[in-house]
Amino acid sequence: MIRFILVMLILFLYLILGIPVLGVEWLIGKCKKETSDYQCLRMVQWAFRLILKVAGVEVTVIGEENIPDEPVLFIGNHRSYFDILITYSRCHRRTGYVAKKEMLGYPLLRDWMKRLYCLFLDRENPKEGLKTILTAIDYIKKGISICIFPEGTRNTGEELSLLPFHSGSFKIADKTGCAIIPMSMNNTISIFEKQFPRIKKTHVILEYGKPIYPNDLDKETRKHLADYCQNIIQETINKNQALV
């Protein structure tokens, strides 16, 4: 429980002490938007890395060189709240995550998320969901990467299992032509969810796959892009389980 208490304390202090920081960054952003964006990105990454260190999470990263220096669509399997900390702490460029709309109910946290280009998806309202996807497409065009977990929720099923990928997530890449970067994660559920509320020292594997450009795929593969990407992630987590 000590790790859990320390992680909660770091998060609480960051959100409270970050109130004036958000105000200062808002002012800086009026003149130097990109500078302010990257300052916010690096500050949050610092906090996430601190939390991961306190939690005792050791991350083996494979294939990071596969990420091109351009806005991309990151997709990944999702089994833990720590998936966000692990992947966001490694983003080199501005990146917004697609989160569930319920996150809007958390003051301060939602303010930082909005500042970092996160989008809030209403899974029960297709019309609002489409608006979220259109905003994500606009962000890609402006040079901001997007990360989404196509399973739509955290998967609490059997080890190495995947929930079906929602095809709507891939419209972001299909409409912009940006690269899709598969992120495959092993063992993240063992950090917290498997023995809730305890946080356990854990070794996890994060592998970035080679970029997938929808425009380079044949018509049939592009038609089933969600299944194609899901198969890649499934094969990778199966392969990497031996490394945990």
Foldseek 3Di string as FASTA:
>chain_A
DVLLVVLVVLVVVCLVVCPVVLVVLVVVCVPVVQVSLVVLLQVVLVSLVVSCVSLQEAEDEAAPVQDDQFAAEEEEAAADPNVCSVVSNPDPFQEEEEAAQCVVVDPSVVSSNVSSVYHHADPVDVVRNVVRLVVLLVCRVVGYHYYYYQLRDHDPDDFLDGHQGDPSSCVSQVVNQHWYKYKAKHDPCVQDVVDPPRGHNDYMYIYIDHTDGLVPDDPVCSVVVRVVSVVVNSVVRVVCVVVD
